[in-house]
Every structure is written in C-alpha cells, then in structure tokens.
Protein backbone atom coordinates (compact mmCIF):
# COMPACT_ATOMS: atom_id res chain seq x y z
CA MET A 1 -0.23 -0.12 0.05
CA LEU A 2 1.25 3.65 -0.94
CA PRO A 3 1.89 6.04 2.12
CA ILE A 4 -0.60 8.74 2.35
CA GLY A 5 0.74 11.67 0.26
CA HIS A 6 3.33 9.53 -1.91
CA ARG A 7 3.51 10.53 -5.25
CA MET A 8 4.07 8.22 -8.25
CA LYS A 9 6.32 8.97 -10.98
CA LYS A 10 4.97 8.92 -14.40
CA GLU A 11 7.40 5.58 -15.52
CA GLN A 12 5.96 3.95 -12.01
CA LEU A 13 2.52 4.31 -13.03
CA ILE A 14 3.17 2.74 -16.43
CA GLU A 15 4.99 -0.08 -14.52
CA ARG A 16 1.70 -0.43 -12.96
CA LEU A 17 -0.38 -0.61 -15.84
CA ARG A 18 1.91 -3.20 -17.37
CA PHE A 19 1.63 -5.45 -14.23
CA LEU A 20 -2.38 -5.15 -14.20
CA TYR A 21 -2.35 -6.19 -17.89
CA LYS A 22 -0.04 -9.15 -17.23
CA LYS A 23 -2.25 -9.83 -14.15
CA ARG A 24 -5.55 -10.07 -16.57
CA GLY A 25 -3.80 -12.81 -18.91
CA ASN A 26 -2.55 -9.85 -21.40
CA LYS A 27 -5.59 -8.21 -21.73
CA ARG A 28 -6.49 -4.35 -21.31
CA PRO A 29 -6.75 -3.25 -17.72
CA ARG A 30 -10.10 -2.08 -17.01
CA THR A 31 -10.93 1.51 -14.83
CA ILE A 32 -12.18 -1.12 -12.12
CA ASP A 33 -8.63 -3.08 -11.89
CA ALA A 34 -7.10 0.45 -11.18
CA GLN A 35 -9.67 0.95 -8.44
CA ASN A 36 -9.43 -2.50 -6.91
CA ASP A 37 -5.58 -2.67 -7.62
CA ARG A 38 -4.64 -2.75 -3.52
CA GLY A 39 -1.05 -1.14 -3.05
CA GLY A 40 -1.52 0.62 -6.63
CA PRO A 41 -2.84 4.00 -7.53
CA ASN A 42 -6.53 4.26 -8.27
CA TYR A 43 -7.84 5.36 -11.69
CA ALA A 44 -8.08 8.88 -10.92
CA THR A 45 -4.22 9.14 -10.57
CA TYR A 46 -3.84 7.90 -13.65
CA VAL A 47 -6.36 10.42 -15.00
CA LYS A 48 -4.51 13.49 -13.39
CA CYS A 49 -1.16 12.08 -14.48
CA PHE A 50 -1.82 11.22 -18.30
CA GLY A 51 -5.44 13.36 -18.99
CA SER A 52 -7.19 10.29 -19.57
CA TRP A 53 -7.67 6.57 -18.81
CA GLU A 54 -7.06 5.69 -22.76
CA LYS A 55 -3.79 7.95 -23.10
CA ALA A 56 -2.67 6.21 -20.04
CA LEU A 57 -2.80 2.72 -21.31
CA GLN A 58 -1.68 4.15 -24.78
CA GLU A 59 1.64 5.33 -22.84
CA ALA A 60 2.10 1.83 -21.51
CA GLY A 61 1.33 0.32 -24.65
CA VAL A 62 -1.64 -2.09 -22.98
CA ASP A 63 -4.32 -0.42 -25.07
CA LYS A 64 -4.88 -3.17 -27.04
C-alpha cells in the first residue's frame, strides 16, 4: 500500500499498468482493475497524470 501523500512518477504508473495487463492474462486493464488494485494508485491518479485513462493505456502500450 502506498503511504499517504506518496506521489508516483509517470514511469511507475506505466509499470503498474503493465502489471495489471499481465495480471489480466495480457488483456487491456479496465478502470475497475485500477480501483481494485491494492497497493496501487487509483483510476483518478492515472487520469490526473496522463489526461485520460485511454492515454495512460496508450503510453503503457496496453491499450489493445
């Protein structure tokens, strides 16, 4: 679990999306996957950093 006030770098967010992708059997992560990801950032963190969920998935290369 992330400490309160911890800020993840963009590279860390990308790594976490790739983790979720692998966890889903190489399937595109859904927003609910981010919300249920214990120890990881929530959906809103990705949107704040990348501008949208779709852009976050694209940058991580897991949008297909």
